[in-house]
Amino acid sequence: MYSQQTQAGENSMMHERRTRRRITFKRPIRITTSSGDKVSLMCVDFSMEGIGFLSTAPRDIGDILHVSLNIGNNGRTHILDALGEVVHRRYIDKKFYVGMRFYKET
């Protein structure tokens, strides 16, 4: 059984792993899997390091995905195309919340 102190420590550790602020960002996205499957989903949150999205199909930790989404504001279009890795997954409200970290360009 976890104590409140242990839970607070774990939450702090999880929080400290993020170096960029994550914002609520509900927009449609398109992911392409490594096998070439294309799926339209809904983005939930966004940071400069990654995104969180909802999926009815589970995505495995370590899956490599290509994502495309419009990050433009005020009616402008600015398409972000990024490659990244699934680093987090949890089941909520009959869907999977999936966290994906973008790969850095070299």
N, C-alpha and C. Protein backbone atom coordinates (compact mmCIF):
# COMPACT_ATOMS: atom_id res chain seq x y z
N MET A 1 0.84 -1.18 0.00
CA MET A 1 0.00 0.00 0.00
C MET A 1 0.89 1.25 0.00
N TYR A 2 0.60 2.20 -0.89
CA TYR A 2 1.39 3.41 -1.00
C TYR A 2 0.96 4.44 0.03
N SER A 3 1.91 5.12 0.59
CA SER A 3 1.60 6.24 1.47
C SER A 3 1.44 7.49 0.62
N GLN A 4 0.87 8.54 1.20
CA GLN A 4 0.75 9.80 0.48
C GLN A 4 2.12 10.35 0.15
N GLN A 5 3.09 10.15 1.04
CA GLN A 5 4.44 10.64 0.81
C GLN A 5 5.06 9.93 -0.40
N THR A 6 4.88 8.61 -0.48
CA THR A 6 5.41 7.84 -1.61
C THR A 6 4.77 8.31 -2.90
N GLN A 7 3.44 8.47 -2.90
CA GLN A 7 2.75 8.92 -4.10
C GLN A 7 3.22 10.30 -4.50
N ALA A 8 3.41 11.20 -3.54
CA ALA A 8 3.88 12.54 -3.86
C ALA A 8 5.27 12.47 -4.47
N GLY A 9 6.14 11.59 -3.95
CA GLY A 9 7.48 11.43 -4.51
C GLY A 9 7.44 10.92 -5.93
N GLU A 10 6.57 9.95 -6.18
CA GLU A 10 6.45 9.41 -7.54
C GLU A 10 5.92 10.46 -8.49
N ASN A 11 4.92 11.24 -8.04
CA ASN A 11 4.38 12.30 -8.90
C ASN A 11 5.44 13.34 -9.20
N SER A 12 6.27 13.68 -8.20
CA SER A 12 7.34 14.64 -8.43
C SER A 12 8.33 14.11 -9.44
N MET A 13 8.67 12.82 -9.33
CA MET A 13 9.62 12.22 -10.28
C MET A 13 9.05 12.26 -11.68
N MET A 14 7.76 11.94 -11.83
CA MET A 14 7.15 11.96 -13.15
C MET A 14 7.15 13.40 -13.69
N HIS A 15 6.83 14.35 -12.84
CA HIS A 15 6.77 15.74 -13.25
C HIS A 15 8.16 16.24 -13.67
N GLU A 16 9.18 15.83 -12.97
CA GLU A 16 10.53 16.30 -13.25
C GLU A 16 11.07 15.78 -14.58
N ARG A 17 10.54 14.68 -15.08
CA ARG A 17 11.02 14.14 -16.36
C ARG A 17 10.69 15.07 -17.51
N ARG A 18 9.63 15.84 -17.40
CA ARG A 18 9.25 16.77 -18.46
C ARG A 18 10.04 18.04 -18.34
N THR A 19 10.65 18.44 -19.44
CA THR A 19 11.39 19.69 -19.43
C THR A 19 10.65 20.78 -20.19
N ARG A 20 9.57 20.43 -20.85
CA ARG A 20 8.77 21.41 -21.61
C ARG A 20 7.34 21.40 -21.09
N ARG A 21 6.74 22.56 -21.09
CA ARG A 21 5.36 22.69 -20.64
C ARG A 21 4.41 22.02 -21.62
N ARG A 22 3.47 21.25 -21.09
CA ARG A 22 2.47 20.57 -21.90
C ARG A 22 1.17 21.35 -21.81
N ILE A 23 0.52 21.59 -22.96
CA ILE A 23 -0.72 22.34 -22.98
C ILE A 23 -1.85 21.48 -23.56
N THR A 24 -3.07 21.77 -23.14
CA THR A 24 -4.23 21.12 -23.73
C THR A 24 -4.30 21.55 -25.19
N PHE A 25 -4.48 20.58 -26.07
CA PHE A 25 -4.40 20.86 -27.51
C PHE A 25 -5.28 19.85 -28.24
N LYS A 26 -6.56 20.14 -28.36
CA LYS A 26 -7.50 19.20 -28.97
C LYS A 26 -7.67 19.51 -30.45
N ARG A 27 -6.97 18.70 -31.23
CA ARG A 27 -7.02 18.84 -32.69
C ARG A 27 -6.91 17.46 -33.32
N PRO A 28 -7.45 17.31 -34.53
CA PRO A 28 -7.29 16.03 -35.23
C PRO A 28 -5.83 15.82 -35.64
N ILE A 29 -5.40 14.58 -35.59
CA ILE A 29 -4.06 14.22 -36.04
C ILE A 29 -4.16 13.00 -36.94
N ARG A 30 -3.11 12.78 -37.68
CA ARG A 30 -2.99 11.56 -38.47
C ARG A 30 -1.69 10.90 -38.08
N ILE A 31 -1.79 9.62 -37.70
CA ILE A 31 -0.56 8.87 -37.42
C ILE A 31 -0.37 7.83 -38.50
N THR A 32 0.87 7.55 -38.77
CA THR A 32 1.25 6.48 -39.68
C THR A 32 2.16 5.55 -38.90
N THR A 33 1.81 4.28 -38.87
CA THR A 33 2.60 3.29 -38.14
C THR A 33 3.80 2.85 -38.97
N SER A 34 4.71 2.14 -38.34
CA SER A 34 5.89 1.66 -39.06
C SER A 34 5.53 0.68 -40.18
N SER A 35 4.34 0.06 -40.08
CA SER A 35 3.90 -0.85 -41.14
C SER A 35 3.13 -0.13 -42.24
N GLY A 36 2.96 1.22 -42.11
CA GLY A 36 2.30 2.00 -43.15
C GLY A 36 0.83 2.26 -42.94
N ASP A 37 0.24 1.73 -41.86
CA ASP A 37 -1.18 2.00 -41.59
C ASP A 37 -1.36 3.47 -41.22
N LYS A 38 -2.40 4.10 -41.79
CA LYS A 38 -2.71 5.50 -41.49
C LYS A 38 -4.01 5.56 -40.70
N VAL A 39 -3.97 6.32 -39.59
CA VAL A 39 -5.12 6.39 -38.70
C VAL A 39 -5.35 7.84 -38.30
N SER A 40 -6.61 8.29 -38.37
CA SER A 40 -6.97 9.62 -37.89
C SER A 40 -7.43 9.51 -36.45
N LEU A 41 -6.86 10.36 -35.58
CA LEU A 41 -7.14 10.33 -34.15
C LEU A 41 -7.31 11.74 -33.63
N MET A 42 -7.45 11.88 -32.31
CA MET A 42 -7.59 13.19 -31.69
C MET A 42 -6.45 13.44 -30.73
N CYS A 43 -5.73 14.53 -30.96
CA CYS A 43 -4.68 14.98 -30.05
C CYS A 43 -5.36 15.55 -28.80
N VAL A 44 -4.75 15.33 -27.64
CA VAL A 44 -5.29 15.83 -26.38
C VAL A 44 -4.39 16.91 -25.80
N ASP A 45 -3.07 16.69 -25.88
CA ASP A 45 -2.14 17.68 -25.38
C ASP A 45 -0.86 17.68 -26.20
N PHE A 46 -0.10 18.77 -26.05
CA PHE A 46 1.05 19.01 -26.91
C PHE A 46 2.15 19.71 -26.12
N SER A 47 3.39 19.36 -26.40
CA SER A 47 4.54 20.13 -25.94
C SER A 47 5.56 20.10 -27.06
N MET A 48 6.65 20.83 -26.89
CA MET A 48 7.68 20.83 -27.92
C MET A 48 8.42 19.49 -27.96
N GLU A 49 8.18 18.63 -26.98
CA GLU A 49 8.84 17.32 -26.93
C GLU A 49 7.94 16.17 -27.35
N GLY A 50 6.62 16.39 -27.39
CA GLY A 50 5.75 15.28 -27.74
C GLY A 50 4.28 15.65 -27.67
N ILE A 51 3.44 14.62 -27.86
CA ILE A 51 2.00 14.81 -27.82
C ILE A 51 1.36 13.67 -27.03
N GLY A 52 0.13 13.92 -26.61
CA GLY A 52 -0.72 12.89 -26.06
C GLY A 52 -1.95 12.80 -26.94
N PHE A 53 -2.40 11.59 -27.25
CA PHE A 53 -3.58 11.44 -28.10
C PHE A 53 -4.42 10.27 -27.62
N LEU A 54 -5.67 10.24 -28.08
CA LEU A 54 -6.59 9.17 -27.74
C LEU A 54 -6.71 8.20 -28.90
N SER A 55 -6.78 6.91 -28.57
CA SER A 55 -6.86 5.87 -29.58
C SER A 55 -7.75 4.74 -29.08
N THR A 56 -8.56 4.19 -29.96
CA THR A 56 -9.36 3.02 -29.58
C THR A 56 -8.52 1.75 -29.64
N ALA A 57 -7.43 1.79 -30.40
CA ALA A 57 -6.52 0.64 -30.50
C ALA A 57 -5.29 0.91 -29.63
N PRO A 58 -4.84 -0.10 -28.91
CA PRO A 58 -3.64 0.11 -28.08
C PRO A 58 -2.41 0.32 -28.95
N ARG A 59 -1.53 1.14 -28.46
CA ARG A 59 -0.21 1.33 -29.08
C ARG A 59 0.80 0.85 -28.06
N ASP A 60 1.76 0.07 -28.48
CA ASP A 60 2.74 -0.49 -27.55
C ASP A 60 3.85 0.51 -27.24
N ILE A 61 4.33 0.46 -26.00
CA ILE A 61 5.49 1.26 -25.63
C ILE A 61 6.62 0.86 -26.57
N GLY A 62 7.28 1.85 -27.13
CA GLY A 62 8.36 1.59 -28.07
C GLY A 62 7.94 1.65 -29.54
N ASP A 63 6.62 1.64 -29.82
CA ASP A 63 6.16 1.77 -31.20
C ASP A 63 6.68 3.08 -31.79
N ILE A 64 7.12 3.02 -33.03
CA ILE A 64 7.59 4.21 -33.75
C ILE A 64 6.44 4.68 -34.64
N LEU A 65 6.08 5.95 -34.51
CA LEU A 65 4.96 6.52 -35.26
C LEU A 65 5.38 7.81 -35.94
N HIS A 66 4.77 8.07 -37.08
CA HIS A 66 4.89 9.37 -37.73
C HIS A 66 3.57 10.08 -37.47
N VAL A 67 3.63 11.33 -37.05
CA VAL A 67 2.41 12.08 -36.76
C VAL A 67 2.40 13.36 -37.58
N SER A 68 1.20 13.74 -38.01
CA SER A 68 1.01 14.98 -38.75
C SER A 68 -0.18 15.71 -38.13
N LEU A 69 0.03 17.00 -37.78
CA LEU A 69 -1.06 17.78 -37.23
C LEU A 69 -0.85 19.26 -37.50
N ASN A 70 -1.96 20.00 -37.52
CA ASN A 70 -1.91 21.44 -37.73
C ASN A 70 -1.73 22.10 -36.37
N ILE A 71 -0.61 22.80 -36.20
CA ILE A 71 -0.37 23.51 -34.94
C ILE A 71 -0.56 25.02 -35.11
N GLY A 72 -1.08 25.44 -36.26
CA GLY A 72 -1.30 26.86 -36.51
C GLY A 72 -2.46 27.40 -35.68
N ASN A 73 -2.43 28.70 -35.42
CA ASN A 73 -3.49 29.38 -34.67
C ASN A 73 -4.19 30.41 -35.54
N ASN A 74 -5.36 30.83 -35.10
CA ASN A 74 -6.12 31.92 -35.73
C ASN A 74 -6.37 31.67 -37.21
N GLY A 75 -6.77 30.46 -37.55
CA GLY A 75 -7.10 30.12 -38.92
C GLY A 75 -5.91 29.88 -39.83
N ARG A 76 -4.71 29.96 -39.28
CA ARG A 76 -3.52 29.70 -40.09
C ARG A 76 -3.18 28.22 -40.07
N THR A 77 -2.51 27.78 -41.12
CA THR A 77 -2.09 26.40 -41.21
C THR A 77 -0.58 26.31 -41.03
N HIS A 78 -0.18 25.50 -40.08
CA HIS A 78 1.24 25.19 -39.90
C HIS A 78 1.30 23.70 -39.55
N ILE A 79 1.64 22.88 -40.53
CA ILE A 79 1.63 21.43 -40.36
C ILE A 79 2.93 20.97 -39.72
N LEU A 80 2.79 20.24 -38.64
CA LEU A 80 3.93 19.61 -37.98
C LEU A 80 3.95 18.15 -38.41
N ASP A 81 5.04 17.74 -39.01
CA ASP A 81 5.27 16.33 -39.34
C ASP A 81 6.44 15.89 -38.47
N ALA A 82 6.20 14.86 -37.65
CA ALA A 82 7.26 14.43 -36.72
C ALA A 82 7.26 12.92 -36.58
N LEU A 83 8.43 12.41 -36.29
CA LEU A 83 8.62 10.99 -36.00
C LEU A 83 8.89 10.88 -34.51
N GLY A 84 8.29 9.88 -33.89
CA GLY A 84 8.51 9.72 -32.46
C GLY A 84 8.22 8.32 -31.98
N GLU A 85 8.30 8.16 -30.66
CA GLU A 85 8.17 6.86 -30.01
C GLU A 85 7.12 6.92 -28.92
N VAL A 86 6.31 5.88 -28.84
CA VAL A 86 5.32 5.77 -27.76
C VAL A 86 6.07 5.49 -26.46
N VAL A 87 5.84 6.37 -25.48
CA VAL A 87 6.55 6.24 -24.20
C VAL A 87 5.60 6.02 -23.03
N HIS A 88 4.29 6.15 -23.28
CA HIS A 88 3.32 6.03 -22.20
C HIS A 88 1.98 5.58 -22.78
N ARG A 89 1.26 4.77 -22.00
CA ARG A 89 -0.09 4.36 -22.42
C ARG A 89 -0.90 4.03 -21.18
N ARG A 90 -2.13 4.52 -21.15
CA ARG A 90 -3.05 4.13 -20.08
C ARG A 90 -4.47 4.06 -20.65
N TYR A 91 -5.29 3.23 -20.04
CA TYR A 91 -6.66 3.03 -20.51
C TYR A 91 -7.60 3.89 -19.67
N ILE A 92 -8.33 4.79 -20.33
CA ILE A 92 -9.30 5.64 -19.63
C ILE A 92 -10.52 5.84 -20.51
N ASP A 93 -11.68 5.78 -19.90
CA ASP A 93 -12.94 6.05 -20.60
C ASP A 93 -13.08 5.30 -21.92
N LYS A 94 -12.79 4.01 -21.90
CA LYS A 94 -12.94 3.13 -23.05
C LYS A 94 -12.03 3.48 -24.23
N LYS A 95 -10.97 4.23 -23.94
CA LYS A 95 -9.97 4.57 -24.96
C LYS A 95 -8.59 4.50 -24.32
N PHE A 96 -7.59 4.48 -25.16
CA PHE A 96 -6.21 4.53 -24.69
C PHE A 96 -5.69 5.95 -24.84
N TYR A 97 -5.12 6.46 -23.75
CA TYR A 97 -4.37 7.71 -23.82
C TYR A 97 -2.93 7.30 -24.10
N VAL A 98 -2.36 7.82 -25.18
CA VAL A 98 -1.02 7.44 -25.61
C VAL A 98 -0.12 8.68 -25.58
N GLY A 99 1.02 8.56 -24.93
CA GLY A 99 2.00 9.63 -24.93
C GLY A 99 3.14 9.29 -25.87
N MET A 100 3.46 10.21 -26.74
CA MET A 100 4.49 10.01 -27.75
C MET A 100 5.55 11.10 -27.62
N ARG A 101 6.81 10.71 -27.57
CA ARG A 101 7.93 11.66 -27.52
C ARG A 101 8.52 11.78 -28.91
N PHE A 102 8.65 13.04 -29.38
CA PHE A 102 9.26 13.27 -30.69
C PHE A 102 10.73 12.92 -30.66
N TYR A 103 11.24 12.44 -31.80
CA TYR A 103 12.68 12.26 -31.97
C TYR A 103 13.29 13.62 -32.29
N LYS A 104 14.47 13.86 -31.79
CA LYS A 104 15.17 15.11 -32.11
C LYS A 104 15.83 14.96 -33.46
N GLU A 105 15.79 16.06 -34.21
CA GLU A 105 16.48 16.06 -35.51
C GLU A 105 17.97 16.23 -35.28
N THR A 106 18.77 15.58 -36.11
CA THR A 106 20.22 15.71 -35.96
C THR A 106 20.82 16.46 -37.11
